[in-house]
Amino acid sequence: MKTILNTLFISGDDSYISLDGGNARVSVEHVVKGKVPLVNLDAIVAFTRLGASPALLAECLQRNIPISFLTPSGKFQGTVVGAVNGNVVPREQQYRISDDQNASIPFARNFIIGKIFNQRWMVERYLRDHSLVVDVNQLKQLSQALQEAIEKLREVDSLAEVRGIEGNAAANYFGAFDSFILKKSTVFTFNERSRRPPMNATNALLSFAYSLLANECASALITAGLDPYVGFLHQDRPGRQSLALDLMEELRGVYADRFVLKMINKQILTKTDFLYQESGAVFLNEEGRKKFLNQWAKKKTEKLTHPFINEPIIWGMVPMIQAILLARTIRGDLDAYPPFLWK
């Protein structure tokens, strides 16, 4: 259990939450692990299958403290919330911002600044750690191009400009992506980004990682009281979780891409983990998905210090923290949305 941004996070299949006076008490196999005064909480987020006691639920309803339940893997299940709270206000403001291009620009800009900043950090990390095996000139040029893109983003005054700069930066980034693959082979190469369907093993891994990350961002947004389908950067389309795609932009490189490259460079996956179709499409097979998901779960438990709140957390909580920060910005509690800028 951990309290961050006045939200109590509880993880573990065997955790159970109950009422103890005016406190939320967390127990594991009837052993008390901690207590937090309800007066200090704005919300409770539980990654557990055991749930909460009826007494705690009733008290939280009375105090308008929403309790969200997610599976240990992060899939949103539901929120218990009082009739007065209802999470309506942040969603109403979200819809207003989405309908106003000028109001949407600061959010869209910060999402993409976060994305490009983190990609540039990856490039600089490769230059520092693998200068003997990478194309140093190519990566230095890429780093400079990404820095210039960040500087341009600070001056934009339209969503079209944000999208244009992001598109050019993405083309430059993926143009050099093959340099990040240190274990060259006929299986893992990268010439260009291909989707729906992915046309080689590297693209198959990227697509799968992005799908997992998008779902985690959507769950985080719902938990934070926002609508994952109404975005600021990505245009709304039926069935597309536009705000989840917005939120995941800053995490693509530092979370998903780094994870995929680790799977490749550490040779955790091999050719036998993929299904090759006659059309040229490539997908992970059942065994490959098991390996991928097992490593993904481990990744989510790795620790870091969040760069904005300066609190120790695990990687799996990053989408949730960013969703909470986004909701607070939409409500007006923060002057501007702070993207996840990792080093």
Protein backbone atom coordinates (compact mmCIF):
# COMPACT_ATOMS: atom_id res chain seq x y z
CA MET A 1 0.00 0.00 0.00
CA LYS A 2 1.15 3.55 -0.74
CA THR A 3 -0.46 6.98 -0.56
CA ILE A 4 0.37 9.32 -3.46
CA LEU A 5 -1.43 12.54 -4.39
CA ASN A 6 -3.98 11.83 -1.62
CA THR A 7 -4.81 8.53 -3.33
CA LEU A 8 -4.30 5.22 -1.51
CA PHE A 9 -2.91 2.56 -3.86
CA ILE A 10 -3.25 -1.06 -2.75
CA SER A 11 -1.64 -3.89 -4.70
CA GLY A 12 -1.55 -7.66 -4.37
CA ASP A 13 -4.06 -10.45 -4.94
CA ASP A 14 -4.27 -11.16 -1.21
CA SER A 15 -4.82 -7.60 0.07
CA TYR A 16 -8.12 -6.81 1.78
CA ILE A 17 -9.36 -3.34 2.76
CA SER A 18 -11.60 -2.78 5.77
CA LEU A 19 -12.78 0.00 8.08
CA ASP A 20 -10.95 0.57 11.35
CA GLY A 21 -12.46 3.57 13.09
CA GLY A 22 -11.85 6.43 10.70
CA ASN A 23 -9.10 4.56 8.88
CA ALA A 24 -8.77 2.37 5.83
CA ARG A 25 -7.00 -0.76 7.07
CA VAL A 26 -5.12 -3.03 4.68
CA SER A 27 -4.61 -6.66 5.68
CA VAL A 28 -2.95 -9.66 4.08
CA GLU A 29 -4.08 -13.04 5.40
CA HIS A 30 -5.53 -11.30 8.50
CA VAL A 31 -2.24 -9.53 9.24
CA VAL A 32 -2.57 -5.74 9.29
CA LYS A 33 -0.10 -4.11 6.89
CA GLY A 34 -1.08 -0.50 7.47
CA LYS A 35 -3.76 2.08 8.17
CA VAL A 36 -4.52 5.42 6.51
CA PRO A 37 -6.97 8.02 7.89
CA LEU A 38 -9.88 8.45 5.49
CA VAL A 39 -9.87 12.19 6.17
CA ASN A 40 -6.54 12.36 4.29
CA LEU A 41 -7.81 10.55 1.18
CA ASP A 42 -9.41 11.75 -2.05
CA ALA A 43 -9.63 8.24 -3.57
CA ILE A 44 -8.68 4.59 -3.12
CA VAL A 45 -7.36 2.44 -5.98
CA ALA A 46 -7.21 -1.30 -5.28
CA PHE A 47 -5.32 -3.76 -7.50
CA THR A 48 -6.75 -6.77 -5.67
CA ARG A 49 -9.35 -9.47 -6.17
CA LEU A 50 -10.39 -9.71 -2.49
CA GLY A 51 -12.11 -6.33 -2.46
CA ALA A 52 -13.23 -4.26 0.52
CA SER A 53 -15.53 -4.67 3.51
CA PRO A 54 -19.14 -3.40 3.32
CA ALA A 55 -18.44 -1.11 6.27
CA LEU A 56 -15.55 0.58 4.44
CA LEU A 57 -17.61 0.93 1.27
CA ALA A 58 -20.46 2.54 3.23
CA GLU A 59 -18.08 4.97 4.96
CA CYS A 60 -16.41 5.93 1.70
CA LEU A 61 -19.79 6.50 0.08
CA GLN A 62 -20.70 8.77 2.97
CA ARG A 63 -17.45 10.71 2.65
CA ASN A 64 -17.55 10.80 -1.19
CA ILE A 65 -14.27 8.90 -1.48
CA PRO A 66 -14.40 6.83 -4.70
CA ILE A 67 -12.97 3.30 -4.54
CA SER A 68 -11.79 1.89 -7.87
CA PHE A 69 -11.12 -1.80 -8.35
CA LEU A 70 -8.67 -3.10 -10.95
CA THR A 71 -7.24 -6.53 -11.54
CA PRO A 72 -3.63 -7.04 -10.42
CA SER A 73 -2.63 -6.65 -14.09
CA GLY A 74 -4.31 -3.23 -14.23
CA LYS A 75 -7.62 -3.92 -16.03
CA PHE A 76 -10.34 -1.59 -14.80
CA GLN A 77 -13.30 -3.35 -13.19
CA GLY A 78 -15.38 -0.58 -11.68
CA THR A 79 -15.67 2.32 -9.26
CA VAL A 80 -17.88 2.63 -6.19
CA VAL A 81 -18.69 6.30 -5.73
CA GLY A 82 -21.21 8.35 -3.78
CA ALA A 83 -24.18 9.98 -5.49
CA VAL A 84 -22.93 13.51 -4.77
CA ASN A 85 -19.44 13.05 -6.23
CA GLY A 86 -20.05 11.01 -9.36
CA ASN A 87 -16.89 12.25 -11.13
CA VAL A 88 -19.07 14.40 -13.41
CA VAL A 89 -17.22 17.72 -13.09
CA PRO A 90 -13.84 16.64 -14.54
CA ARG A 91 -15.55 14.89 -17.45
CA GLU A 92 -17.70 17.93 -18.23
CA GLN A 93 -14.60 20.12 -18.27
CA GLN A 94 -12.76 17.51 -20.36
CA TYR A 95 -15.51 17.71 -23.00
CA ARG A 96 -15.33 21.51 -23.05
CA ILE A 97 -11.57 21.44 -23.58
CA SER A 98 -11.85 18.80 -26.29
CA ASP A 99 -14.35 20.98 -28.18
CA ASP A 100 -12.06 24.04 -27.95
CA GLN A 101 -8.90 23.78 -30.08
CA ASN A 102 -7.18 26.63 -28.27
CA ALA A 103 -7.82 24.99 -24.91
CA SER A 104 -6.64 21.61 -26.25
CA ILE A 105 -3.28 22.86 -27.55
CA PRO A 106 -1.45 23.08 -24.19
CA PHE A 107 -2.41 19.49 -23.36
CA ALA A 108 -1.54 18.15 -26.81
CA ARG A 109 1.75 20.06 -26.83
CA ASN A 110 2.82 18.69 -23.44
CA PHE A 111 1.93 15.12 -24.39
CA ILE A 112 4.23 15.34 -27.42
CA ILE A 113 6.98 17.27 -25.63
CA GLY A 114 7.02 14.41 -23.14
CA LYS A 115 7.15 11.84 -25.92
CA ILE A 116 10.03 13.48 -27.82
CA PHE A 117 11.95 14.34 -24.63
CA ASN A 118 11.87 10.69 -23.59
CA GLN A 119 12.85 9.47 -27.06
CA ARG A 120 15.81 11.86 -27.03
CA TRP A 121 16.80 10.57 -23.60
CA MET A 122 16.82 7.04 -25.05
CA VAL A 123 19.09 8.18 -27.89
CA GLU A 124 21.49 9.87 -25.50
CA ARG A 125 21.52 6.75 -23.33
CA TYR A 126 22.48 4.61 -26.33
CA LEU A 127 25.23 7.04 -27.27
CA ARG A 128 26.59 6.85 -23.75
CA ASP A 129 26.34 3.09 -23.23
CA HIS A 130 26.81 1.60 -26.71
CA SER A 131 28.99 4.06 -28.65
CA LEU A 132 31.20 1.22 -29.94
CA VAL A 133 28.35 -0.64 -31.66
CA VAL A 134 25.89 2.04 -32.79
CA ASP A 135 26.05 4.57 -35.62
CA VAL A 136 27.18 7.51 -33.50
CA ASN A 137 26.75 10.14 -36.21
CA GLN A 138 23.23 8.97 -37.02
CA LEU A 139 22.15 9.05 -33.38
CA LYS A 140 23.75 12.43 -32.73
CA GLN A 141 21.85 13.85 -35.68
CA LEU A 142 18.66 12.26 -34.38
CA SER A 143 19.21 13.72 -30.91
CA GLN A 144 19.66 17.19 -32.40
CA ALA A 145 16.55 16.82 -34.56
CA LEU A 146 14.47 15.76 -31.56
CA GLN A 147 15.75 18.69 -29.51
CA GLU A 148 14.80 21.07 -32.32
CA ALA A 149 11.33 19.50 -32.44
CA ILE A 150 10.87 20.17 -28.71
CA GLU A 151 11.86 23.80 -29.19
CA LYS A 152 9.39 24.18 -32.07
CA LEU A 153 6.60 22.66 -30.00
CA ARG A 154 6.95 25.38 -27.38
CA GLU A 155 5.94 27.96 -30.01
CA VAL A 156 3.01 26.25 -31.77
CA ASP A 157 -0.47 27.73 -31.78
CA SER A 158 -2.47 25.02 -33.58
CA LEU A 159 -3.14 21.32 -33.23
CA ALA A 160 -2.15 20.86 -36.87
CA GLU A 161 1.32 22.15 -36.05
CA VAL A 162 1.61 19.82 -33.04
CA ARG A 163 0.63 16.86 -35.20
CA GLY A 164 3.01 17.90 -37.97
CA ILE A 165 5.99 18.22 -35.64
CA GLU A 166 5.13 14.91 -33.98
CA GLY A 167 4.88 13.19 -37.34
CA ASN A 168 8.27 14.45 -38.49
CA ALA A 169 9.88 13.53 -35.18
CA ALA A 170 8.37 10.04 -35.34
CA ALA A 171 9.71 9.57 -38.89
CA ASN A 172 13.20 10.59 -37.75
CA TYR A 173 13.02 8.39 -34.66
CA PHE A 174 11.86 5.26 -36.46
CA GLY A 175 14.30 5.98 -39.25
CA ALA A 176 17.07 5.27 -36.75
CA PHE A 177 15.28 2.58 -34.73
CA ASP A 178 17.31 -0.25 -36.23
CA SER A 179 20.39 1.23 -34.51
CA PHE A 180 18.80 0.40 -31.15
CA ILE A 181 18.77 -3.31 -32.02
CA LEU A 182 22.17 -4.43 -30.76
CA LYS A 183 21.70 -8.13 -31.50
CA LYS A 184 21.39 -8.09 -35.27
CA SER A 185 19.68 -11.10 -36.84
CA THR A 186 17.40 -12.04 -39.69
CA VAL A 187 14.52 -12.17 -37.20
CA PHE A 188 14.84 -8.78 -35.54
CA THR A 189 15.38 -5.95 -37.98
CA PHE A 190 13.62 -2.66 -38.52
CA ASN A 191 13.18 -0.73 -41.75
CA GLU A 192 9.91 1.08 -41.11
CA ARG A 193 6.94 1.08 -38.77
CA SER A 194 4.20 -1.24 -40.06
CA ARG A 195 0.83 -1.73 -38.37
CA ARG A 196 -2.43 -3.54 -38.96
CA PRO A 197 -0.79 -5.93 -39.62
CA PRO A 198 2.84 -5.76 -38.45
CA MET A 199 5.09 -7.11 -41.19
CA ASN A 200 8.05 -8.31 -39.14
CA ALA A 201 8.86 -9.52 -35.63
CA THR A 202 10.05 -6.15 -34.30
CA ASN A 203 6.86 -4.43 -35.42
CA ALA A 204 4.81 -7.25 -33.93
CA LEU A 205 6.42 -6.62 -30.54
CA LEU A 206 5.93 -2.86 -30.78
CA SER A 207 2.27 -3.25 -31.70
CA PHE A 208 1.62 -5.67 -28.85
CA ALA A 209 3.40 -3.41 -26.33
CA TYR A 210 1.46 -0.36 -27.53
CA SER A 211 -1.83 -2.25 -27.19
CA LEU A 212 -1.04 -3.22 -23.61
CA LEU A 213 0.04 0.30 -22.74
CA ALA A 214 -3.07 1.85 -24.32
CA ASN A 215 -5.32 -0.43 -22.28
CA GLU A 216 -3.46 0.47 -19.08
CA CYS A 217 -3.78 4.17 -19.88
CA ALA A 218 -7.50 3.76 -20.54
CA SER A 219 -7.99 2.00 -17.19
CA ALA A 220 -6.00 4.73 -15.45
CA LEU A 221 -8.11 7.49 -17.02
CA ILE A 222 -11.39 5.83 -16.06
CA THR A 223 -10.10 5.40 -12.51
CA ALA A 224 -9.16 9.11 -12.42
CA GLY A 225 -12.70 10.05 -13.45
CA LEU A 226 -12.00 10.91 -17.10
CA ASP A 227 -13.46 9.63 -20.37
CA PRO A 228 -10.76 7.71 -22.30
CA TYR A 229 -12.68 8.19 -25.58
CA VAL A 230 -12.55 12.01 -25.69
CA GLY A 231 -9.06 13.30 -26.46
CA PHE A 232 -7.22 16.56 -27.07
CA LEU A 233 -4.64 15.50 -29.66
CA HIS A 234 -6.08 12.38 -31.31
CA GLN A 235 -9.33 13.01 -33.11
CA ASP A 236 -12.41 11.28 -31.75
CA ARG A 237 -13.60 8.27 -33.74
CA PRO A 238 -16.14 5.59 -32.86
CA GLY A 239 -14.47 2.94 -30.73
CA ARG A 240 -11.14 4.78 -30.43
CA GLN A 241 -9.92 5.66 -26.94
CA SER A 242 -8.49 9.00 -28.02
CA LEU A 243 -7.48 10.32 -24.59
CA ALA A 244 -5.78 7.01 -23.77
CA LEU A 245 -3.76 7.39 -26.98
CA ASP A 246 -2.95 10.98 -25.96
CA LEU A 247 -1.73 9.91 -22.53
CA MET A 248 0.37 7.02 -23.79
CA GLU A 249 2.33 9.19 -26.23
CA GLU A 250 4.84 10.31 -23.62
CA LEU A 251 5.27 6.70 -22.47
CA ARG A 252 5.74 5.01 -25.85
CA GLY A 253 9.52 5.28 -26.00
CA VAL A 254 10.52 5.20 -22.37
CA TYR A 255 8.08 2.41 -21.42
CA ALA A 256 7.07 0.32 -24.44
CA ASP A 257 10.01 0.78 -26.86
CA ARG A 258 12.64 0.25 -24.18
CA PHE A 259 10.84 -2.89 -23.07
CA VAL A 260 10.69 -4.28 -26.63
CA LEU A 261 14.37 -3.53 -27.20
CA LYS A 262 15.24 -5.31 -23.96
CA MET A 263 13.32 -8.40 -25.12
CA ILE A 264 15.27 -8.34 -28.41
CA ASN A 265 18.73 -7.40 -27.16
CA LYS A 266 18.64 -9.86 -24.27
CA GLN A 267 17.40 -12.56 -26.69
CA ILE A 268 14.40 -13.39 -24.52
CA LEU A 269 12.37 -14.06 -27.67
CA THR A 270 13.41 -16.05 -30.74
CA LYS A 271 11.97 -16.89 -34.14
CA THR A 272 10.01 -19.80 -32.66
CA ASP A 273 7.91 -17.33 -30.64
CA PHE A 274 6.26 -15.87 -33.73
CA LEU A 275 3.57 -16.86 -36.19
CA TYR A 276 4.39 -16.02 -39.81
CA GLN A 277 1.41 -15.77 -42.16
CA GLU A 278 1.40 -16.17 -45.94
CA SER A 279 0.33 -12.53 -46.29
CA GLY A 280 3.60 -11.45 -44.67
CA ALA A 281 1.99 -10.50 -41.38
CA VAL A 282 3.84 -11.51 -38.21
CA PHE A 283 2.35 -12.02 -34.75
CA LEU A 284 3.44 -13.48 -31.44
CA ASN A 285 2.26 -17.06 -31.01
CA GLU A 286 0.84 -18.37 -27.73
CA GLU A 287 4.22 -19.21 -26.23
CA GLY A 288 5.63 -15.87 -27.34
CA ARG A 289 2.74 -13.99 -25.72
CA LYS A 290 3.32 -15.87 -22.46
CA LYS A 291 6.98 -14.87 -22.42
CA PHE A 292 6.12 -11.28 -23.33
CA LEU A 293 3.41 -10.91 -20.70
CA ASN A 294 5.57 -12.51 -18.02
CA GLN A 295 8.34 -9.99 -18.68
CA TRP A 296 5.80 -7.13 -18.95
CA ALA A 297 4.48 -8.00 -15.49
CA LYS A 298 8.02 -7.95 -14.11
CA LYS A 299 8.67 -4.59 -15.75
CA LYS A 300 5.65 -3.11 -13.99
CA THR A 301 7.12 -4.00 -10.58
CA GLU A 302 10.47 -2.27 -11.20
CA LYS A 303 10.97 0.81 -9.04
CA LEU A 304 11.69 4.40 -10.00
CA THR A 305 11.31 7.89 -8.58
CA HIS A 306 8.57 9.83 -10.34
CA PRO A 307 10.19 12.95 -11.86
CA PHE A 308 7.32 15.33 -11.01
CA ILE A 309 5.99 14.23 -7.64
CA ASN A 310 9.45 13.00 -6.54
CA GLU A 311 7.93 9.89 -4.95
CA PRO A 312 9.20 6.29 -5.25
CA ILE A 313 6.74 4.20 -7.25
CA ILE A 314 6.75 1.19 -9.56
CA TRP A 315 6.56 1.47 -13.35
CA GLY A 316 3.10 -0.05 -13.39
CA MET A 317 1.78 2.98 -11.51
CA VAL A 318 3.12 5.55 -13.97
CA PRO A 319 -0.03 5.66 -16.19
CA MET A 320 -2.19 6.00 -13.06
CA ILE A 321 -0.13 8.89 -11.66
CA GLN A 322 -0.18 10.68 -15.03
CA ALA A 323 -3.95 10.20 -15.29
CA ILE A 324 -4.43 11.71 -11.84
CA LEU A 325 -2.19 14.66 -12.74
CA LEU A 326 -4.17 15.12 -15.96
CA ALA A 327 -7.48 15.07 -14.07
CA ARG A 328 -6.14 17.64 -11.61
CA THR A 329 -5.04 19.89 -14.46
CA ILE A 330 -8.45 19.60 -16.13
CA ARG A 331 -10.12 20.55 -12.83
CA GLY A 332 -7.83 23.58 -12.55
CA ASP A 333 -5.80 22.33 -9.57
CA LEU A 334 -2.60 22.51 -11.66
CA ASP A 335 -1.67 25.33 -14.02
CA ALA A 336 -0.41 22.99 -16.75
CA TYR A 337 -0.27 19.25 -17.30
CA PRO A 338 3.18 17.91 -16.29
CA PRO A 339 4.27 15.22 -18.78
CA PHE A 340 6.36 12.28 -17.64
CA LEU A 341 9.93 13.42 -18.35
CA TRP A 342 12.24 10.53 -17.50
CA LYS A 343 16.02 10.38 -17.24
